[in-house]
Amino acid sequence: MSEPNDNLQYTCPNCSKPCSVPAGLAGQNVTCPNCASVFFATPPEPPPPEITLPEHLPFFKHGRRKILEQKFDELMAAGGKFDENTERELVQLTAELKLDDSEWHKVRQEKFLQAFQPIQKRMESAMMMTDDDLQAIQDLERKYASHLTLEGTAQIFRAIYLLEAKHELPAPISTSLMLDAKETAYHYTPTTWQQSRSHTAGYSGASVSVPTGIRGVRFRFGGFTPMRTEEITPLSTGILYVTSKRLLFNGESRNTTVNLSKIVDGHLFSDCVKIDKNTGKPDFFTMSPDQGRYILALVGVLKTGVKKRPVAEREEAGNADESPEGTSTDTSAADGA
């Protein structure tokens, strides 16, 4: 167990340089001393206590299951990974504890997902899946003899990392749009197109009313100034496409196109992205932060130059927004041992 004053060694997910972090900061977001980016410092696993079967078993199931969980931790600490010997001992202990045969499977799956949580938290904090994250997941899969299926935001987190850190484009997608020659579509997402619009909300100013001597008729002198405000106004709901040449919004009532050459800046907000152009008003497109960051990264790479992604990874990733959120584990490969 690390003392509070000891230092733990990490690799920054942004610059890939080693970082020395005080043990007391483990389990928190820390700042890389090399590039000043923030990442989650995964705490080290504490050693489990040694477990001996009590003379009298607990009456309630949760008490007996706790003994099985503690034994699982003890065996994993001793052997370092799940193997045939570990499975044999767990099967025997499950029977001695008079638990259902499936309990040790459930314990392994729960422990595997618990070990994955720090990695998941780190990815969600950085909003990307780095090579180190992939390696850590593969190490967990070997350790627990299980397979983790990553879905939803995990795919787009990986795509963000490949774009921002390696300038690697995703695989092209097929669309029903009429694209220009040598134009390739890379991404699409549902959104609402918005722009700033002026709205009149009453009038302000001073005036004087003077009677004319005619009943019901008065002269008014002075002036009223309309009170105008700028508000972000929804213009249409539709699909935003990112191609090699432009942002193309195909809306239900209105369409718009922004050539990549006209984009001068982009800003990420909690519920939308803002696209600044060299002419005209900025465009706002509503979406989640991960989708917004992905689109801004994709536009940045398309404007500055690209390199191809490895073929195997392009085939594996597909379109980043087609998978539902969540993760699942598959332990069937090891269960047959």
C-alpha atoms as a PDB file:
ATOM      1  CA  MET A   1       0.000   0.000   0.000  1.00  0.00           C
ATOM      2  CA  SER A   2       1.398   3.412  -0.946  1.00  0.00           C
ATOM      3  CA  GLU A   3       2.024   5.938   1.802  1.00  0.00           C
ATOM      4  CA  PRO A   4       0.395   9.397   1.373  1.00  0.00           C
ATOM      5  CA  ASN A   5       3.798  10.973   0.710  1.00  0.00           C
ATOM      6  CA  ASP A   6       4.850   8.380  -1.895  1.00  0.00           C
ATOM      7  CA  ASN A   7       4.651   9.211  -5.605  1.00  0.00           C
ATOM      8  CA  LEU A   8       2.758   7.152  -8.171  1.00  0.00           C
ATOM      9  CA  GLN A   9       3.794   7.012 -11.809  1.00  0.00           C
ATOM     10  CA  TYR A  10       1.290   7.763 -14.595  1.00  0.00           C
ATOM     11  CA  THR A  11       1.391   8.471 -18.320  1.00  0.00           C
ATOM     12  CA  CYS A  12      -0.401  11.634 -19.439  1.00  0.00           C
ATOM     13  CA  PRO A  13      -3.156  10.696 -21.945  1.00  0.00           C
ATOM     14  CA  ASN A  14      -2.641  13.981 -23.804  1.00  0.00           C
ATOM     15  CA  CYS A  15       1.140  14.260 -24.285  1.00  0.00           C
ATOM     16  CA  SER A  16       2.077  10.617 -23.433  1.00  0.00           C
ATOM     17  CA  LYS A  17       4.854  11.783 -21.100  1.00  0.00           C
ATOM     18  CA  PRO A  18       5.442  10.228 -17.649  1.00  0.00           C
ATOM     19  CA  CYS A  19       4.026  12.074 -14.635  1.00  0.00           C
ATOM     20  CA  SER A  20       4.858  11.645 -10.968  1.00  0.00           C
ATOM     21  CA  VAL A  21       1.768  12.137  -8.797  1.00  0.00           C
ATOM     22  CA  PRO A  22       1.644  12.139  -4.963  1.00  0.00           C
ATOM     23  CA  ALA A  23      -0.214   9.086  -3.670  1.00  0.00           C
ATOM     24  CA  GLY A  24      -2.572  11.354  -1.743  1.00  0.00           C
ATOM     25  CA  LEU A  25      -3.963  12.690  -5.051  1.00  0.00           C
ATOM     26  CA  ALA A  26      -4.825   9.235  -6.408  1.00  0.00           C
ATOM     27  CA  GLY A  27      -8.486   8.992  -7.354  1.00  0.00           C
ATOM     28  CA  GLN A  28      -8.658  12.677  -8.341  1.00  0.00           C
ATOM     29  CA  ASN A  29      -8.184  14.825 -11.441  1.00  0.00           C
ATOM     30  CA  VAL A  30      -4.565  16.022 -11.604  1.00  0.00           C
ATOM     31  CA  THR A  31      -2.685  18.405 -13.902  1.00  0.00           C
ATOM     32  CA  CYS A  32       0.146  17.153 -16.112  1.00  0.00           C
ATOM     33  CA  PRO A  33       3.334  19.132 -15.359  1.00  0.00           C
ATOM     34  CA  ASN A  34       4.438  18.801 -18.989  1.00  0.00           C
ATOM     35  CA  CYS A  35       1.403  19.984 -20.987  1.00  0.00           C
ATOM     36  CA  ALA A  36      -0.940  21.310 -18.240  1.00  0.00           C
ATOM     37  CA  SER A  37      -3.806  19.040 -19.342  1.00  0.00           C
ATOM     38  CA  VAL A  38      -6.038  17.469 -16.682  1.00  0.00           C
ATOM     39  CA  PHE A  39      -6.440  13.690 -16.337  1.00  0.00           C
ATOM     40  CA  PHE A  40      -7.802  11.230 -13.778  1.00  0.00           C
ATOM     41  CA  ALA A  41      -5.152   9.537 -11.579  1.00  0.00           C
ATOM     42  CA  THR A  42      -6.364   5.961 -11.175  1.00  0.00           C
ATOM     43  CA  PRO A  43      -5.848   4.822  -7.563  1.00  0.00           C
ATOM     44  CA  PRO A  44      -3.836   1.598  -7.010  1.00  0.00           C
ATOM     45  CA  GLU A  45      -5.733  -1.475  -5.878  1.00  0.00           C
ATOM     46  CA  PRO A  46      -5.293  -2.274  -2.155  1.00  0.00           C
ATOM     47  CA  PRO A  47      -4.169  -5.832  -1.286  1.00  0.00           C
ATOM     48  CA  PRO A  48      -7.134  -8.011  -0.210  1.00  0.00           C
ATOM     49  CA  PRO A  49      -7.148  -9.694   3.213  1.00  0.00           C
ATOM     50  CA  GLU A  50      -6.719 -13.460   3.536  1.00  0.00           C
ATOM     51  CA  ILE A  51     -10.028 -15.267   3.984  1.00  0.00           C
ATOM     52  CA  THR A  52     -10.704 -18.467   5.939  1.00  0.00           C
ATOM     53  CA  LEU A  53     -14.071 -20.213   5.875  1.00  0.00           C
ATOM     54  CA  PRO A  54     -15.881 -19.714   9.219  1.00  0.00           C
ATOM     55  CA  GLU A  55     -16.941 -22.715  11.300  1.00  0.00           C
ATOM     56  CA  HIS A  56     -20.598 -21.679  11.051  1.00  0.00           C
ATOM     57  CA  LEU A  57     -21.781 -20.270   7.732  1.00  0.00           C
ATOM     58  CA  PRO A  58     -23.936 -17.107   7.767  1.00  0.00           C
ATOM     59  CA  PHE A  59     -27.637 -17.810   7.458  1.00  0.00           C
ATOM     60  CA  PHE A  60     -28.357 -15.034   4.962  1.00  0.00           C
ATOM     61  CA  LYS A  61     -27.204 -15.339   1.379  1.00  0.00           C
ATOM     62  CA  HIS A  62     -25.496 -11.939   1.254  1.00  0.00           C
ATOM     63  CA  GLY A  63     -23.198 -12.988   4.138  1.00  0.00           C
ATOM     64  CA  ARG A  64     -22.136 -16.178   2.331  1.00  0.00           C
ATOM     65  CA  ARG A  65     -21.703 -14.277  -0.910  1.00  0.00           C
ATOM     66  CA  LYS A  66     -19.413 -11.800   0.826  1.00  0.00           C
ATOM     67  CA  ILE A  67     -17.134 -14.715   1.773  1.00  0.00           C
ATOM     68  CA  LEU A  68     -17.078 -15.761  -1.900  1.00  0.00           C
ATOM     69  CA  GLU A  69     -16.163 -12.209  -2.979  1.00  0.00           C
ATOM     70  CA  GLN A  70     -13.345 -12.019  -0.417  1.00  0.00           C
ATOM     71  CA  LYS A  71     -12.003 -15.388  -1.551  1.00  0.00           C
ATOM     72  CA  PHE A  72     -12.094 -14.206  -5.151  1.00  0.00           C
ATOM     73  CA  ASP A  73      -9.974 -11.161  -4.222  1.00  0.00           C
ATOM     74  CA  GLU A  74      -7.536 -13.378  -2.327  1.00  0.00           C
ATOM     75  CA  LEU A  75      -7.100 -15.790  -5.246  1.00  0.00           C
ATOM     76  CA  MET A  76      -6.671 -12.956  -7.781  1.00  0.00           C
ATOM     77  CA  ALA A  77      -4.042 -11.290  -5.571  1.00  0.00           C
ATOM     78  CA  ALA A  78      -2.140 -14.563  -5.185  1.00  0.00           C
ATOM     79  CA  GLY A  79      -2.249 -15.675  -8.827  1.00  0.00           C
ATOM     80  CA  GLY A  80      -2.412 -12.301 -10.551  1.00  0.00           C
ATOM     81  CA  LYS A  81      -5.047 -13.474 -13.038  1.00  0.00           C
ATOM     82  CA  PHE A  82      -8.079 -15.704 -13.434  1.00  0.00           C
ATOM     83  CA  ASP A  83      -7.119 -19.223 -14.532  1.00  0.00           C
ATOM     84  CA  GLU A  84      -8.297 -22.820 -14.273  1.00  0.00           C
ATOM     85  CA  ASN A  85      -7.037 -23.198 -10.703  1.00  0.00           C
ATOM     86  CA  THR A  86      -8.890 -20.043  -9.647  1.00  0.00           C
ATOM     87  CA  GLU A  87     -12.072 -21.302 -11.270  1.00  0.00           C
ATOM     88  CA  ARG A  88     -11.734 -24.720  -9.632  1.00  0.00           C
ATOM     89  CA  GLU A  89     -11.401 -23.233  -6.156  1.00  0.00           C
ATOM     90  CA  LEU A  90     -14.304 -20.840  -6.695  1.00  0.00           C
ATOM     91  CA  VAL A  91     -16.561 -23.643  -7.936  1.00  0.00           C
ATOM     92  CA  GLN A  92     -15.713 -25.717  -4.862  1.00  0.00           C
ATOM     93  CA  LEU A  93     -16.200 -22.802  -2.456  1.00  0.00           C
ATOM     94  CA  THR A  94     -19.517 -21.874  -4.097  1.00  0.00           C
ATOM     95  CA  ALA A  95     -20.783 -25.397  -3.412  1.00  0.00           C
ATOM     96  CA  GLU A  96     -19.509 -25.338   0.196  1.00  0.00           C
ATOM     97  CA  LEU A  97     -21.270 -22.012   0.768  1.00  0.00           C
ATOM     98  CA  LYS A  98     -24.474 -23.531  -0.630  1.00  0.00           C
ATOM     99  CA  LEU A  99     -24.791 -20.812  -3.251  1.00  0.00           C
ATOM    100  CA  ASP A 100     -26.130 -21.122  -6.772  1.00  0.00           C
ATOM    101  CA  ASP A 101     -23.567 -22.334  -9.326  1.00  0.00           C
ATOM    102  CA  SER A 102     -23.830 -19.015 -11.208  1.00  0.00           C
ATOM    103  CA  GLU A 103     -22.734 -16.896  -8.230  1.00  0.00           C
ATOM    104  CA  TRP A 104     -19.006 -17.130  -8.891  1.00  0.00           C
ATOM    105  CA  HIS A 105     -19.658 -16.066 -12.519  1.00  0.00           C
ATOM    106  CA  LYS A 106     -21.541 -13.010 -11.246  1.00  0.00           C
ATOM    107  CA  VAL A 107     -18.773 -12.186  -8.768  1.00  0.00           C
ATOM    108  CA  ARG A 108     -16.141 -12.281 -11.513  1.00  0.00           C
ATOM    109  CA  GLN A 109     -18.221 -10.038 -13.776  1.00  0.00           C
ATOM    110  CA  GLU A 110     -18.844  -7.537 -10.966  1.00  0.00           C
ATOM    111  CA  LYS A 111     -15.142  -7.437 -10.017  1.00  0.00           C
ATOM    112  CA  PHE A 112     -14.195  -6.975 -13.650  1.00  0.00           C
ATOM    113  CA  LEU A 113     -16.563  -4.020 -14.055  1.00  0.00           C
ATOM    114  CA  GLN A 114     -15.346  -2.512 -10.756  1.00  0.00           C
ATOM    115  CA  ALA A 115     -11.771  -2.664 -12.035  1.00  0.00           C
ATOM    116  CA  PHE A 116     -12.907  -1.028 -15.285  1.00  0.00           C
ATOM    117  CA  GLN A 117     -14.607   1.926 -13.548  1.00  0.00           C
ATOM    118  CA  PRO A 118     -11.414   4.004 -12.995  1.00  0.00           C
ATOM    119  CA  ILE A 119     -10.566   3.603 -16.686  1.00  0.00           C
ATOM    120  CA  GLN A 120     -14.099   4.589 -17.638  1.00  0.00           C
ATOM    121  CA  LYS A 121     -13.967   7.624 -15.347  1.00  0.00           C
ATOM    122  CA  ARG A 122     -10.643   8.679 -16.834  1.00  0.00           C
ATOM    123  CA  MET A 123     -12.039   8.404 -20.383  1.00  0.00           C
ATOM    124  CA  GLU A 124     -15.166  10.365 -19.490  1.00  0.00           C
ATOM    125  CA  SER A 125     -13.096  13.066 -17.777  1.00  0.00           C
ATOM    126  CA  ALA A 126     -10.740  13.465 -20.768  1.00  0.00           C
ATOM    127  CA  MET A 127     -13.518  12.738 -23.312  1.00  0.00           C
ATOM    128  CA  MET A 128     -11.164  10.467 -25.238  1.00  0.00           C
ATOM    129  CA  MET A 129      -9.899   6.882 -25.281  1.00  0.00           C
ATOM    130  CA  THR A 130      -6.118   6.812 -25.576  1.00  0.00           C
ATOM    131  CA  ASP A 131      -3.770   3.976 -26.517  1.00  0.00           C
ATOM    132  CA  ASP A 132      -2.975   3.597 -22.805  1.00  0.00           C
ATOM    133  CA  ASP A 133      -6.697   3.194 -22.071  1.00  0.00           C
ATOM    134  CA  LEU A 134      -6.972   0.464 -24.699  1.00  0.00           C
ATOM    135  CA  GLN A 135      -3.923  -1.293 -23.253  1.00  0.00           C
ATOM    136  CA  ALA A 136      -5.367  -1.076 -19.733  1.00  0.00           C
ATOM    137  CA  ILE A 137      -8.644  -2.622 -20.953  1.00  0.00           C
ATOM    138  CA  GLN A 138      -6.778  -5.449 -22.687  1.00  0.00           C
ATOM    139  CA  ASP A 139      -4.780  -6.087 -19.505  1.00  0.00           C
ATOM    140  CA  LEU A 140      -8.040  -6.316 -17.540  1.00  0.00           C
ATOM    141  CA  GLU A 141      -9.501  -8.727 -20.086  1.00  0.00           C
ATOM    142  CA  ARG A 142      -6.480 -11.005 -19.732  1.00  0.00           C
ATOM    143  CA  LYS A 143      -6.480 -10.711 -15.939  1.00  0.00           C
ATOM    144  CA  TYR A 144     -10.149 -11.644 -15.555  1.00  0.00           C
ATOM    145  CA  ALA A 145     -10.384 -13.898 -18.642  1.00  0.00           C
ATOM    146  CA  SER A 146     -13.325 -11.784 -19.791  1.00  0.00           C
ATOM    147  CA  HIS A 147     -14.240  -9.689 -22.786  1.00  0.00           C
ATOM    148  CA  LEU A 148     -15.520  -6.112 -22.564  1.00  0.00           C
ATOM    149  CA  THR A 149     -17.751  -4.826 -25.348  1.00  0.00           C
ATOM    150  CA  LEU A 150     -17.413  -1.045 -25.587  1.00  0.00           C
ATOM    151  CA  GLU A 151     -20.428   0.793 -26.936  1.00  0.00           C
ATOM    152  CA  GLY A 152     -21.851   4.290 -27.231  1.00  0.00           C
ATOM    153  CA  THR A 153     -19.548   7.121 -26.207  1.00  0.00           C
ATOM    154  CA  ALA A 154     -16.502   4.828 -26.037  1.00  0.00           C
ATOM    155  CA  GLN A 155     -16.383   4.706 -29.833  1.00  0.00           C
ATOM    156  CA  ILE A 156     -16.568   8.474 -30.233  1.00  0.00           C
ATOM    157  CA  PHE A 157     -14.020   8.976 -27.426  1.00  0.00           C
ATOM    158  CA  ARG A 158     -11.610   6.795 -29.406  1.00  0.00           C
ATOM    159  CA  ALA A 159     -12.335   8.730 -32.595  1.00  0.00           C
ATOM    160  CA  ILE A 160     -11.684  12.041 -30.799  1.00  0.00           C
ATOM    161  CA  TYR A 161      -8.289  10.795 -29.612  1.00  0.00           C
ATOM    162  CA  LEU A 162      -7.292   9.595 -33.085  1.00  0.00           C
ATOM    163  CA  LEU A 163      -8.279  12.941 -34.571  1.00  0.00           C
ATOM    164  CA  GLU A 164      -6.705  15.216 -31.964  1.00  0.00           C
ATOM    165  CA  ALA A 165      -3.577  13.221 -31.125  1.00  0.00           C
ATOM    166  CA  LYS A 166      -2.802  11.432 -34.403  1.00  0.00           C
ATOM    167  CA  HIS A 167      -4.698  13.418 -37.061  1.00  0.00           C
ATOM    168  CA  GLU A 168      -6.282  10.195 -38.342  1.00  0.00           C
ATOM    169  CA  LEU A 169      -9.594  10.429 -40.168  1.00  0.00           C
ATOM    170  CA  PRO A 170     -12.500   8.072 -39.459  1.00  0.00           C
ATOM    171  CA  ALA A 171     -13.885   5.733 -42.091  1.00  0.00           C
ATOM    172  CA  PRO A 172     -16.106   7.434 -44.722  1.00  0.00           C
ATOM    173  CA  ILE A 173     -19.866   6.947 -44.465  1.00  0.00           C
ATOM    174  CA  SER A 174     -22.430   6.530 -47.230  1.00  0.00           C
ATOM    175  CA  THR A 175     -25.277   9.056 -47.558  1.00  0.00           C
ATOM    176  CA  SER A 176     -28.128   9.809 -49.943  1.00  0.00           C
ATOM    177  CA  LEU A 177     -26.821  13.361 -50.424  1.00  0.00           C
ATOM    178  CA  MET A 178     -25.707  14.646 -53.798  1.00  0.00           C
ATOM    179  CA  LEU A 179     -22.063  15.373 -53.004  1.00  0.00           C
ATOM    180  CA  ASP A 180     -19.565  17.139 -55.239  1.00  0.00           C
ATOM    181  CA  ALA A 181     -16.862  15.320 -57.134  1.00  0.00           C
ATOM    182  CA  LYS A 182     -14.113  14.034 -54.799  1.00  0.00           C
ATOM    183  CA  GLU A 183     -16.219  15.022 -51.765  1.00  0.00           C
ATOM    184  CA  THR A 184     -16.405  12.458 -48.951  1.00  0.00           C
ATOM    185  CA  ALA A 185     -18.843  12.350 -46.037  1.00  0.00           C
ATOM    186  CA  TYR A 186     -17.373  11.383 -42.645  1.00  0.00           C
ATOM    187  CA  HIS A 187     -20.028  11.994 -40.006  1.00  0.00           C
ATOM    188  CA  TYR A 188     -23.632  12.970 -39.359  1.00  0.00           C
ATOM    189  CA  THR A 189     -25.699  13.802 -36.290  1.00  0.00           C
ATOM    190  CA  PRO A 190     -29.253  15.038 -35.598  1.00  0.00           C
ATOM    191  CA  THR A 191     -29.289  18.695 -34.565  1.00  0.00           C
ATOM    192  CA  THR A 192     -31.168  21.988 -34.546  1.00  0.00           C
ATOM    193  CA  TRP A 193     -29.659  24.856 -36.528  1.00  0.00           C
ATOM    194  CA  GLN A 194     -29.777  28.178 -34.670  1.00  0.00           C
ATOM    195  CA  GLN A 195     -28.630  31.734 -35.320  1.00  0.00           C
ATOM    196  CA  SER A 196     -28.758  35.063 -33.502  1.00  0.00           C
ATOM    197  CA  ARG A 197     -31.833  37.095 -34.433  1.00  0.00           C
ATOM    198  CA  SER A 198     -33.074  40.567 -33.414  1.00  0.00           C
ATOM    199  CA  HIS A 199     -36.381  40.673 -31.549  1.00  0.00           C
ATOM    200  CA  THR A 200     -38.492  43.759 -30.723  1.00  0.00           C
ATOM    201  CA  ALA A 201     -39.835  43.791 -27.165  1.00  0.00           C
ATOM    202  CA  GLY A 202     -41.840  47.058 -26.758  1.00  0.00           C
ATOM    203  CA  TYR A 203     -40.721  50.680 -27.063  1.00  0.00           C
ATOM    204  CA  SER A 204     -38.865  53.211 -24.940  1.00  0.00           C
ATOM    205  CA  GLY A 205     -38.628  57.033 -24.987  1.00  0.00           C
ATOM    206  CA  ALA A 206     -40.477  60.202 -23.879  1.00  0.00           C
ATOM    207  CA  SER A 207     -43.392  62.126 -25.461  1.00  0.00           C
ATOM    208  CA  VAL A 208     -45.816  64.950 -24.652  1.00  0.00           C
ATOM    209  CA  SER A 209     -49.525  64.933 -25.419  1.00  0.00           C
ATOM    210  CA  VAL A 210     -51.114  68.368 -26.180  1.00  0.00           C
ATOM    211  CA  PRO A 211     -54.872  68.963 -26.487  1.00  0.00           C
ATOM    212  CA  THR A 212     -56.045  70.506 -29.792  1.00  0.00           C
ATOM    213  CA  GLY A 213     -59.333  71.944 -28.595  1.00  0.00           C
ATOM    214  CA  ILE A 214     -61.200  69.323 -30.540  1.00  0.00           C
ATOM    215  CA  ARG A 215     -62.828  66.718 -28.409  1.00  0.00           C
ATOM    216  CA  GLY A 216     -60.998  63.377 -28.618  1.00  0.00           C
ATOM    217  CA  VAL A 217     -58.111  64.777 -30.674  1.00  0.00           C
ATOM    218  CA  ARG A 218     -54.635  65.416 -29.211  1.00  0.00           C
ATOM    219  CA  PHE A 219     -51.183  66.081 -30.645  1.00  0.00           C
ATOM    220  CA  ARG A 220     -48.304  63.936 -29.360  1.00  0.00           C
ATOM    221  CA  PHE A 221     -44.720  65.241 -29.586  1.00  0.00           C
ATOM    222  CA  GLY A 222     -41.589  63.156 -28.942  1.00  0.00           C
ATOM    223  CA  GLY A 223     -40.496  59.740 -30.107  1.00  0.00           C
ATOM    224  CA  PHE A 224     -40.484  56.059 -29.284  1.00  0.00           C
ATOM    225  CA  THR A 225     -37.471  53.809 -29.870  1.00  0.00           C
ATOM    226  CA  PRO A 226     -38.067  50.076 -30.425  1.00  0.00           C
ATOM    227  CA  MET A 227     -36.342  47.906 -27.767  1.00  0.00           C
ATOM    228  CA  ARG A 228     -34.389  45.305 -29.714  1.00  0.00           C
ATOM    229  CA  THR A 229     -32.587  42.270 -28.259  1.00  0.00           C
ATOM    230  CA  GLU A 230     -30.378  39.620 -29.820  1.00  0.00           C
ATOM    231  CA  GLU A 231     -31.505  36.059 -29.080  1.00  0.00           C
ATOM    232  CA  ILE A 232     -30.392  32.645 -30.283  1.00  0.00           C
ATOM    233  CA  THR A 233     -33.323  31.494 -32.394  1.00  0.00           C
ATOM    234  CA  PRO A 234     -33.993  27.955 -33.717  1.00  0.00           C
ATOM    235  CA  LEU A 235     -34.301  27.992 -37.507  1.00  0.00           C
ATOM    236  CA  SER A 236     -34.800  24.328 -38.374  1.00  0.00           C
ATOM    237  CA  THR A 237     -34.356  20.769 -37.122  1.00  0.00           C
ATOM    238  CA  GLY A 238     -32.491  18.277 -39.263  1.00  0.00           C
ATOM    239  CA  ILE A 239     -29.209  16.417 -39.844  1.00  0.00           C
ATOM    240  CA  LEU A 240     -25.733  17.966 -39.864  1.00  0.00           C
ATOM    241  CA  TYR A 241     -23.214  16.256 -42.158  1.00  0.00           C
ATOM    242  CA  VAL A 242     -19.450  16.754 -42.079  1.00  0.00           C
ATOM    243  CA  THR A 243     -17.765  16.208 -45.430  1.00  0.00           C
ATOM    244  CA  SER A 244     -14.276  16.790 -46.752  1.00  0.00           C
ATOM    245  CA  LYS A 245     -15.397  20.176 -48.127  1.00  0.00           C
ATOM    246  CA  ARG A 246     -18.156  21.575 -45.903  1.00  0.00           C
ATOM    247  CA  LEU A 247     -20.648  21.379 -43.078  1.00  0.00           C
ATOM    248  CA  LEU A 248     -23.951  20.538 -44.707  1.00  0.00           C
ATOM    249  CA  PHE A 249     -27.181  20.971 -42.749  1.00  0.00           C
ATOM    250  CA  ASN A 250     -30.191  19.210 -44.257  1.00  0.00           C
ATOM    251  CA  GLY A 251     -33.193  20.600 -42.367  1.00  0.00           C
ATOM    252  CA  GLU A 252     -36.907  19.949 -42.340  1.00  0.00           C
ATOM    253  CA  SER A 253     -37.741  23.551 -43.308  1.00  0.00           C
ATOM    254  CA  ARG A 254     -34.377  25.174 -44.165  1.00  0.00           C
ATOM    255  CA  ASN A 255     -30.928  24.087 -45.331  1.00  0.00           C
ATOM    256  CA  THR A 256     -27.516  25.685 -45.013  1.00  0.00           C
ATOM    257  CA  THR A 257     -23.949  24.966 -46.070  1.00  0.00           C
ATOM    258  CA  VAL A 258     -20.708  26.208 -44.544  1.00  0.00           C
ATOM    259  CA  ASN A 259     -17.576  25.622 -46.601  1.00  0.00           C
ATOM    260  CA  LEU A 260     -14.616  24.509 -44.484  1.00  0.00           C
ATOM    261  CA  SER A 261     -12.511  27.271 -46.033  1.00  0.00           C
ATOM    262  CA  LYS A 262     -14.867  29.875 -44.500  1.00  0.00           C
ATOM    263  CA  ILE A 263     -14.693  28.492 -40.947  1.00  0.00           C
ATOM    264  CA  VAL A 264     -12.368  30.590 -38.792  1.00  0.00           C
ATOM    265  CA  ASP A 265     -13.142  29.203 -35.324  1.00  0.00           C
ATOM    266  CA  GLY A 266     -15.324  26.818 -33.354  1.00  0.00           C
ATOM    267  CA  HIS A 267     -16.517  26.843 -29.750  1.00  0.00           C
ATOM    268  CA  LEU A 268     -17.849  23.959 -27.658  1.00  0.00           C
ATOM    269  CA  PHE A 269     -20.711  24.534 -25.214  1.00  0.00           C
ATOM    270  CA  SER A 270     -22.602  22.136 -22.978  1.00  0.00           C
ATOM    271  CA  ASP A 271     -25.483  21.806 -25.441  1.00  0.00           C
ATOM    272  CA  CYS A 272     -24.179  23.023 -28.800  1.00  0.00           C
ATOM    273  CA  VAL A 273     -21.242  24.021 -30.988  1.00  0.00           C
ATOM    274  CA  LYS A 274     -20.726  27.511 -32.372  1.00  0.00           C
ATOM    275  CA  ILE A 275     -19.200  27.861 -35.851  1.00  0.00           C
ATOM    276  CA  ASP A 276     -17.604  31.238 -36.599  1.00  0.00           C
ATOM    277  CA  LYS A 277     -17.250  32.181 -40.273  1.00  0.00           C
ATOM    278  CA  ASN A 278     -15.279  34.896 -42.033  1.00  0.00           C
ATOM    279  CA  THR A 279     -18.596  36.368 -43.261  1.00  0.00           C
ATOM    280  CA  GLY A 280     -22.111  36.308 -41.880  1.00  0.00           C
ATOM    281  CA  LYS A 281     -23.525  35.420 -38.494  1.00  0.00           C
ATOM    282  CA  PRO A 282     -22.170  32.465 -36.506  1.00  0.00           C
ATOM    283  CA  ASP A 283     -24.106  29.194 -36.730  1.00  0.00           C
ATOM    284  CA  PHE A 284     -25.106  27.205 -33.645  1.00  0.00           C
ATOM    285  CA  PHE A 285     -25.865  23.475 -33.827  1.00  0.00           C
ATOM    286  CA  THR A 286     -27.339  21.714 -30.799  1.00  0.00           C
ATOM    287  CA  MET A 287     -25.697  18.431 -29.739  1.00  0.00           C
ATOM    288  CA  SER A 288     -24.018  16.673 -26.824  1.00  0.00           C
ATOM    289  CA  PRO A 289     -20.501  17.757 -25.742  1.00  0.00           C
ATOM    290  CA  ASP A 290     -18.845  14.580 -27.061  1.00  0.00           C
ATOM    291  CA  GLN A 291     -20.491  15.004 -30.485  1.00  0.00           C
ATOM    292  CA  GLY A 292     -19.522  18.677 -30.519  1.00  0.00           C
ATOM    293  CA  ARG A 293     -15.899  17.993 -29.650  1.00  0.00           C
ATOM    294  CA  TYR A 294     -15.729  15.247 -32.263  1.00  0.00           C
ATOM    295  CA  ILE A 295     -17.084  17.518 -35.002  1.00  0.00           C
ATOM    296  CA  LEU A 296     -14.711  20.358 -34.103  1.00  0.00           C
ATOM    297  CA  ALA A 297     -11.771  17.931 -34.094  1.00  0.00           C
ATOM    298  CA  LEU A 298     -12.875  16.485 -37.435  1.00  0.00           C
ATOM    299  CA  VAL A 299     -13.203  19.939 -38.998  1.00  0.00           C
ATOM    300  CA  GLY A 300      -9.779  20.904 -37.648  1.00  0.00           C
ATOM    301  CA  VAL A 301      -8.108  17.859 -39.174  1.00  0.00           C
ATOM    302  CA  LEU A 302      -9.886  18.303 -42.506  1.00  0.00           C
ATOM    303  CA  LYS A 303      -8.709  21.933 -42.675  1.00  0.00           C
ATOM    304  CA  THR A 304      -5.086  21.262 -41.713  1.00  0.00           C
ATOM    305  CA  GLY A 305      -4.292  17.899 -43.291  1.00  0.00           C
ATOM    306  CA  VAL A 306      -4.876  14.217 -42.541  1.00  0.00           C
ATOM    307  CA  LYS A 307      -3.413  10.780 -42.565  1.00  0.00           C
ATOM    308  CA  LYS A 308      -5.229   7.482 -42.900  1.00  0.00           C
ATOM    309  CA  ARG A 309      -6.214   5.340 -39.952  1.00  0.00           C
ATOM    310  CA  PRO A 310      -5.061   1.704 -39.784  1.00  0.00           C
ATOM    311  CA  VAL A 311      -7.386  -0.497 -41.852  1.00  0.00           C
ATOM    312  CA  ALA A 312      -8.247  -2.826 -38.949  1.00  0.00           C
ATOM    313  CA  GLU A 313      -9.249   0.062 -36.704  1.00  0.00           C
ATOM    314  CA  ARG A 314     -11.281   1.774 -39.428  1.00  0.00           C
ATOM    315  CA  GLU A 315     -13.308  -1.395 -39.924  1.00  0.00           C
ATOM    316  CA  GLU A 316     -13.757  -1.836 -36.172  1.00  0.00           C
ATOM    317  CA  ALA A 317     -14.850   1.730 -35.421  1.00  0.00           C
ATOM    318  CA  GLY A 318     -17.459   2.366 -38.128  1.00  0.00           C
ATOM    319  CA  ASN A 319     -19.656   5.397 -37.611  1.00  0.00           C
ATOM    320  CA  ALA A 320     -19.131   6.731 -34.102  1.00  0.00           C
ATOM    321  CA  ASP A 321     -22.763   7.633 -33.367  1.00  0.00           C
ATOM    322  CA  GLU A 322     -24.488   4.378 -34.371  1.00  0.00           C
ATOM    323  CA  SER A 323     -23.988   2.447 -31.107  1.00  0.00           C
ATOM    324  CA  PRO A 324     -26.104   2.766 -27.954  1.00  0.00           C
ATOM    325  CA  GLU A 325     -24.441   3.836 -24.738  1.00  0.00           C
ATOM    326  CA  GLY A 326     -23.046   1.376 -22.197  1.00  0.00           C
ATOM    327  CA  THR A 327     -20.647  -1.505 -21.782  1.00  0.00           C
ATOM    328  CA  SER A 328     -21.154  -5.241 -21.515  1.00  0.00           C
ATOM    329  CA  THR A 329     -18.961  -8.151 -20.548  1.00  0.00           C
ATOM    330  CA  ASP A 330     -18.692 -11.561 -22.145  1.00  0.00           C
ATOM    331  CA  THR A 331     -17.153 -14.287 -20.007  1.00  0.00           C
ATOM    332  CA  SER A 332     -18.277 -17.272 -22.086  1.00  0.00           C
ATOM    333  CA  ALA A 333     -14.810 -17.919 -23.509  1.00  0.00           C
ATOM    334  CA  ALA A 334     -13.344 -18.539 -20.079  1.00  0.00           C
ATOM    335  CA  ASP A 335     -16.380 -20.298 -18.610  1.00  0.00           C
ATOM    336  CA  GLY A 336     -15.772 -23.361 -20.730  1.00  0.00           C
ATOM    337  CA  ALA A 337     -12.299 -23.907 -19.254  1.00  0.00           C
END
